[in-house]
């Protein structure tokens, strides 16, 4: 069966001190999830476990993100996480403590036959 996207939600997360890309990515996913309140479960017969959730993260150093830790931020469905270049690093004045910004897109799809 083909997947049909139902929801696209965006978020942004930052680690202001420490340059922790995973922390910023988890905050970006949390930000996106807080923007959603799904109320179609009853009328459609779908369940949270039926969701296919793809998380796309943009970071200046995407290889620094622990995708397993980020996937654990999503409470329902089958979750995949992928990273790509994006986001923003802002150097500290002394150069030793960058501010790290990560963007997240959380894409929720269902099988078309569900």
N, C-alpha and C. Protein backbone atom coordinates (compact mmCIF):
# COMPACT_ATOMS: atom_id res chain seq x y z
N UNK A 1 0.83 -1.19 0.00
CA UNK A 1 0.00 0.00 0.00
C UNK A 1 0.87 1.25 0.00
N UNK A 2 0.36 2.28 -0.61
CA UNK A 2 1.08 3.54 -0.66
C UNK A 2 0.77 4.37 0.58
N UNK A 3 1.74 5.16 0.99
CA UNK A 3 1.53 6.08 2.11
C UNK A 3 0.97 7.39 1.59
N UNK A 4 0.02 7.95 2.34
CA UNK A 4 -0.58 9.25 2.02
C UNK A 4 -0.30 10.17 3.20
N UNK A 5 0.36 11.30 2.90
CA UNK A 5 0.67 12.24 3.98
C UNK A 5 -0.58 13.00 4.40
N UNK A 6 -0.79 13.04 5.71
CA UNK A 6 -1.93 13.75 6.29
C UNK A 6 -1.50 15.01 7.02
N UNK A 7 -0.31 14.99 7.60
CA UNK A 7 0.11 16.09 8.47
C UNK A 7 1.55 16.47 8.15
N UNK A 8 1.81 17.77 8.10
CA UNK A 8 3.16 18.31 8.02
C UNK A 8 3.27 19.36 9.11
N UNK A 9 4.22 19.18 10.00
CA UNK A 9 4.40 20.12 11.09
C UNK A 9 5.88 20.49 11.19
N UNK A 10 6.17 21.74 11.51
CA UNK A 10 7.55 22.20 11.58
C UNK A 10 7.88 22.66 12.99
N UNK A 11 9.17 22.56 13.32
CA UNK A 11 9.64 23.04 14.61
C UNK A 11 11.08 23.49 14.53
N UNK A 12 11.49 24.23 15.54
CA UNK A 12 12.88 24.70 15.63
C UNK A 12 13.34 24.49 17.05
N UNK A 13 14.58 24.05 17.20
CA UNK A 13 15.16 23.84 18.51
C UNK A 13 16.56 24.41 18.57
N UNK A 14 16.96 24.80 19.76
CA UNK A 14 18.29 25.40 19.95
C UNK A 14 18.97 24.80 21.16
N UNK A 15 20.28 24.73 21.08
CA UNK A 15 21.12 24.52 22.25
C UNK A 15 21.97 25.77 22.35
N UNK A 16 21.66 26.59 23.33
CA UNK A 16 22.29 27.91 23.44
C UNK A 16 23.72 27.80 23.94
N UNK A 17 24.00 26.85 24.81
CA UNK A 17 25.36 26.65 25.32
C UNK A 17 25.70 25.17 25.25
N UNK A 18 26.79 24.86 24.60
CA UNK A 18 27.24 23.48 24.57
C UNK A 18 27.35 22.89 23.18
N UNK A 19 26.69 23.46 22.20
CA UNK A 19 26.80 22.97 20.83
C UNK A 19 26.30 21.54 20.65
N UNK A 20 25.26 21.15 21.39
CA UNK A 20 24.73 19.78 21.34
C UNK A 20 23.64 19.70 20.27
N UNK A 21 23.98 19.12 19.14
CA UNK A 21 23.04 19.02 18.02
C UNK A 21 21.86 18.10 18.34
N UNK A 22 22.10 17.03 19.09
CA UNK A 22 21.01 16.14 19.45
C UNK A 22 20.01 16.84 20.35
N UNK A 23 20.50 17.60 21.32
CA UNK A 23 19.60 18.34 22.21
C UNK A 23 18.76 19.32 21.40
N UNK A 24 19.39 20.04 20.49
CA UNK A 24 18.66 21.00 19.65
C UNK A 24 17.65 20.28 18.76
N UNK A 25 18.02 19.12 18.22
CA UNK A 25 17.10 18.35 17.36
C UNK A 25 15.90 17.85 18.15
N UNK A 26 16.13 17.34 19.36
CA UNK A 26 15.03 16.87 20.20
C UNK A 26 14.08 18.03 20.53
N UNK A 27 14.64 19.19 20.77
CA UNK A 27 13.80 20.36 21.05
C UNK A 27 13.01 20.78 19.82
N UNK A 28 13.60 20.64 18.64
CA UNK A 28 12.89 20.98 17.40
C UNK A 28 11.70 20.04 17.18
N UNK A 29 11.90 18.75 17.44
CA UNK A 29 10.81 17.78 17.30
C UNK A 29 9.73 18.06 18.34
N UNK A 30 10.13 18.32 19.55
CA UNK A 30 9.16 18.65 20.61
C UNK A 30 8.36 19.90 20.24
N UNK A 31 9.03 20.88 19.68
CA UNK A 31 8.35 22.11 19.24
C UNK A 31 7.30 21.80 18.18
N UNK A 32 7.65 20.97 17.21
CA UNK A 32 6.70 20.60 16.16
C UNK A 32 5.50 19.84 16.74
N UNK A 33 5.77 18.91 17.63
CA UNK A 33 4.69 18.10 18.20
C UNK A 33 3.74 18.93 19.04
N UNK A 34 4.25 19.94 19.72
CA UNK A 34 3.39 20.79 20.55
C UNK A 34 2.43 21.62 19.71
N UNK A 35 2.70 21.77 18.42
CA UNK A 35 1.81 22.53 17.54
C UNK A 35 0.64 21.70 17.04
N UNK A 36 0.63 20.41 17.34
CA UNK A 36 -0.39 19.51 16.79
C UNK A 36 -1.33 19.01 17.87
N UNK A 37 -2.59 18.99 17.52
CA UNK A 37 -3.60 18.35 18.36
C UNK A 37 -4.50 17.57 17.40
N UNK A 38 -4.30 16.29 17.35
CA UNK A 38 -4.99 15.46 16.37
C UNK A 38 -6.31 14.97 16.94
N UNK A 39 -7.39 15.27 16.23
CA UNK A 39 -8.71 14.90 16.73
C UNK A 39 -9.51 14.09 15.71
N UNK A 40 -8.83 13.44 14.80
CA UNK A 40 -9.56 12.68 13.77
C UNK A 40 -9.61 11.19 14.06
N UNK A 41 -9.14 10.75 15.22
CA UNK A 41 -9.07 9.31 15.50
C UNK A 41 -10.44 8.65 15.41
N UNK A 42 -11.41 9.14 16.14
CA UNK A 42 -12.74 8.53 16.15
C UNK A 42 -13.42 8.53 14.79
N UNK A 43 -13.55 9.69 14.15
CA UNK A 43 -14.26 9.76 12.88
C UNK A 43 -13.63 8.94 11.75
N UNK A 44 -12.31 8.76 11.77
CA UNK A 44 -11.65 8.06 10.67
C UNK A 44 -11.38 6.59 10.96
N UNK A 45 -11.45 6.21 12.23
CA UNK A 45 -11.13 4.83 12.58
C UNK A 45 -9.64 4.55 12.63
N UNK A 46 -8.83 5.58 12.50
CA UNK A 46 -7.38 5.41 12.56
C UNK A 46 -6.93 5.43 14.02
N UNK A 47 -5.76 4.83 14.25
CA UNK A 47 -5.19 4.78 15.59
C UNK A 47 -3.79 5.40 15.55
N UNK A 48 -3.33 5.91 16.68
CA UNK A 48 -1.96 6.46 16.71
C UNK A 48 -0.90 5.46 16.24
N UNK A 49 -1.10 4.18 16.52
CA UNK A 49 -0.13 3.17 16.10
C UNK A 49 -0.08 3.02 14.58
N UNK A 50 -1.10 3.48 13.86
CA UNK A 50 -1.14 3.38 12.40
C UNK A 50 -0.26 4.42 11.70
N UNK A 51 0.19 5.41 12.46
CA UNK A 51 0.95 6.52 11.85
C UNK A 51 2.34 6.06 11.40
N UNK A 52 2.76 6.59 10.27
CA UNK A 52 4.13 6.49 9.81
C UNK A 52 4.69 7.90 9.93
N UNK A 53 5.63 8.08 10.85
CA UNK A 53 6.15 9.41 11.15
C UNK A 53 7.58 9.50 10.62
N UNK A 54 7.78 10.44 9.71
CA UNK A 54 9.12 10.72 9.20
C UNK A 54 9.54 12.07 9.76
N UNK A 55 10.70 12.07 10.41
CA UNK A 55 11.27 13.31 10.95
C UNK A 55 12.46 13.67 10.08
N UNK A 56 12.44 14.87 9.53
CA UNK A 56 13.55 15.37 8.72
C UNK A 56 14.18 16.52 9.48
N UNK A 57 15.48 16.42 9.73
CA UNK A 57 16.19 17.42 10.52
C UNK A 57 17.23 18.12 9.66
N UNK A 58 17.27 19.45 9.77
CA UNK A 58 18.29 20.24 9.10
C UNK A 58 19.22 20.83 10.14
N UNK A 59 20.51 20.53 10.02
CA UNK A 59 21.51 21.03 10.96
C UNK A 59 22.80 21.33 10.22
N UNK A 60 23.55 22.27 10.74
CA UNK A 60 24.84 22.61 10.12
C UNK A 60 25.78 21.40 10.13
N UNK A 61 25.68 20.58 11.16
CA UNK A 61 26.49 19.36 11.24
C UNK A 61 25.55 18.17 11.51
N UNK A 62 24.82 17.73 10.48
CA UNK A 62 23.81 16.69 10.68
C UNK A 62 24.38 15.38 11.21
N UNK A 63 25.63 15.11 10.94
CA UNK A 63 26.24 13.86 11.41
C UNK A 63 26.41 13.84 12.93
N UNK A 64 26.23 14.96 13.59
CA UNK A 64 26.37 15.05 15.04
C UNK A 64 25.07 14.71 15.78
N UNK A 65 24.00 14.43 15.04
CA UNK A 65 22.70 14.14 15.66
C UNK A 65 22.54 12.65 15.89
N UNK A 66 22.15 12.28 17.10
CA UNK A 66 21.84 10.90 17.45
C UNK A 66 20.38 10.65 17.04
N UNK A 67 20.17 10.03 15.89
CA UNK A 67 18.82 9.87 15.35
C UNK A 67 17.97 8.92 16.20
N UNK A 68 18.57 7.98 16.89
CA UNK A 68 17.82 7.08 17.76
C UNK A 68 17.24 7.87 18.93
N UNK A 69 18.03 8.75 19.52
CA UNK A 69 17.55 9.58 20.63
C UNK A 69 16.43 10.51 20.18
N UNK A 70 16.55 11.04 18.97
CA UNK A 70 15.51 11.94 18.45
C UNK A 70 14.23 11.15 18.18
N UNK A 71 14.33 9.96 17.61
CA UNK A 71 13.15 9.15 17.33
C UNK A 71 12.36 8.85 18.60
N UNK A 72 13.04 8.74 19.73
CA UNK A 72 12.37 8.45 21.00
C UNK A 72 11.48 9.61 21.46
N UNK A 73 11.63 10.80 20.87
CA UNK A 73 10.80 11.94 21.21
C UNK A 73 9.38 11.81 20.65
N UNK A 74 9.20 10.95 19.65
CA UNK A 74 7.89 10.78 19.00
C UNK A 74 7.16 9.65 19.71
N UNK A 75 6.01 9.94 20.33
CA UNK A 75 5.36 8.94 21.18
C UNK A 75 4.56 7.85 20.47
N UNK A 76 4.24 8.03 19.19
CA UNK A 76 3.36 7.08 18.51
C UNK A 76 3.88 6.76 17.12
N UNK A 77 3.42 5.63 16.61
CA UNK A 77 3.65 5.28 15.22
C UNK A 77 5.01 4.66 14.96
N UNK A 78 5.23 4.37 13.68
CA UNK A 78 6.50 3.89 13.19
C UNK A 78 7.31 5.11 12.80
N UNK A 79 8.46 5.30 13.44
CA UNK A 79 9.22 6.54 13.31
C UNK A 79 10.53 6.30 12.56
N UNK A 80 10.79 7.15 11.58
CA UNK A 80 12.10 7.19 10.94
C UNK A 80 12.62 8.62 11.04
N UNK A 81 13.93 8.73 11.17
CA UNK A 81 14.57 10.05 11.28
C UNK A 81 15.69 10.12 10.27
N UNK A 82 15.72 11.21 9.53
CA UNK A 82 16.86 11.43 8.62
C UNK A 82 17.34 12.86 8.80
N UNK A 83 18.60 13.05 8.52
CA UNK A 83 19.22 14.36 8.67
C UNK A 83 19.73 14.85 7.33
N UNK A 84 19.85 16.16 7.25
CA UNK A 84 20.41 16.78 6.06
C UNK A 84 21.03 18.11 6.45
N UNK A 85 21.88 18.66 5.60
CA UNK A 85 22.46 19.96 5.92
C UNK A 85 21.38 21.04 6.01
N UNK A 86 21.53 21.93 6.95
CA UNK A 86 20.57 23.01 7.16
C UNK A 86 20.84 23.66 8.50
N UNK A 87 19.80 24.17 9.12
CA UNK A 87 19.96 24.78 10.44
C UNK A 87 20.89 25.97 10.42
N UNK A 88 21.46 26.26 11.58
CA UNK A 88 22.32 27.44 11.70
C UNK A 88 23.18 27.31 12.94
N UNK A 89 24.45 27.57 12.79
CA UNK A 89 25.36 27.69 13.93
C UNK A 89 25.74 29.16 14.06
N UNK A 90 25.65 29.67 15.29
CA UNK A 90 26.05 31.05 15.56
C UNK A 90 27.26 30.99 16.47
N UNK A 91 28.41 31.42 15.99
CA UNK A 91 29.62 31.33 16.81
C UNK A 91 29.53 32.24 18.04
N UNK A 92 30.11 31.77 19.12
CA UNK A 92 30.21 32.58 20.33
C UNK A 92 31.30 33.63 20.12
N UNK A 93 31.22 34.75 20.83
CA UNK A 93 32.25 35.78 20.69
C UNK A 93 33.66 35.23 20.93
N UNK A 94 33.81 34.33 21.88
CA UNK A 94 35.13 33.77 22.15
C UNK A 94 35.44 32.57 21.26
N UNK A 95 34.41 32.10 20.50
CA UNK A 95 34.62 31.01 19.56
C UNK A 95 34.57 29.62 20.16
N UNK A 96 34.22 29.48 21.44
CA UNK A 96 34.28 28.16 22.07
C UNK A 96 32.92 27.58 22.48
N UNK A 97 31.83 28.29 22.25
CA UNK A 97 30.52 27.84 22.72
C UNK A 97 29.43 28.27 21.73
N UNK A 98 29.32 27.57 20.59
CA UNK A 98 28.37 28.01 19.57
C UNK A 98 26.91 27.80 19.98
N UNK A 99 26.05 28.66 19.47
CA UNK A 99 24.61 28.46 19.58
C UNK A 99 24.21 27.64 18.36
N UNK A 100 23.54 26.52 18.60
CA UNK A 100 23.19 25.56 17.55
C UNK A 100 21.68 25.59 17.33
N UNK A 101 21.25 25.80 16.09
CA UNK A 101 19.83 25.75 15.73
C UNK A 101 19.60 24.58 14.78
N UNK A 102 18.54 23.81 15.06
CA UNK A 102 18.15 22.69 14.21
C UNK A 102 16.69 22.88 13.84
N UNK A 103 16.37 22.65 12.58
CA UNK A 103 14.98 22.70 12.10
C UNK A 103 14.48 21.27 11.93
N UNK A 104 13.18 21.09 12.22
CA UNK A 104 12.57 19.77 12.08
C UNK A 104 11.28 19.88 11.27
N UNK A 105 11.08 18.92 10.39
CA UNK A 105 9.79 18.71 9.75
C UNK A 105 9.32 17.33 10.20
N UNK A 106 8.11 17.29 10.75
CA UNK A 106 7.52 16.03 11.19
C UNK A 106 6.38 15.72 10.22
N UNK A 107 6.52 14.64 9.48
CA UNK A 107 5.58 14.29 8.41
C UNK A 107 4.86 13.01 8.83
N UNK A 108 3.54 13.09 8.90
CA UNK A 108 2.75 11.94 9.34
C UNK A 108 1.93 11.43 8.15
N UNK A 109 2.08 10.14 7.89
CA UNK A 109 1.37 9.50 6.79
C UNK A 109 0.65 8.26 7.29
N UNK A 110 -0.35 7.82 6.51
CA UNK A 110 -1.07 6.60 6.78
C UNK A 110 -1.11 5.78 5.50
N UNK A 111 -1.20 4.46 5.65
CA UNK A 111 -1.43 3.62 4.48
C UNK A 111 -2.75 4.05 3.85
N UNK A 112 -2.80 4.12 2.54
CA UNK A 112 -4.03 4.58 1.87
C UNK A 112 -5.19 3.64 2.07
N UNK A 113 -4.93 2.39 2.44
CA UNK A 113 -5.99 1.43 2.64
C UNK A 113 -6.45 1.30 4.08
N UNK A 114 -5.85 2.09 4.99
CA UNK A 114 -6.21 1.98 6.41
C UNK A 114 -7.51 2.71 6.69
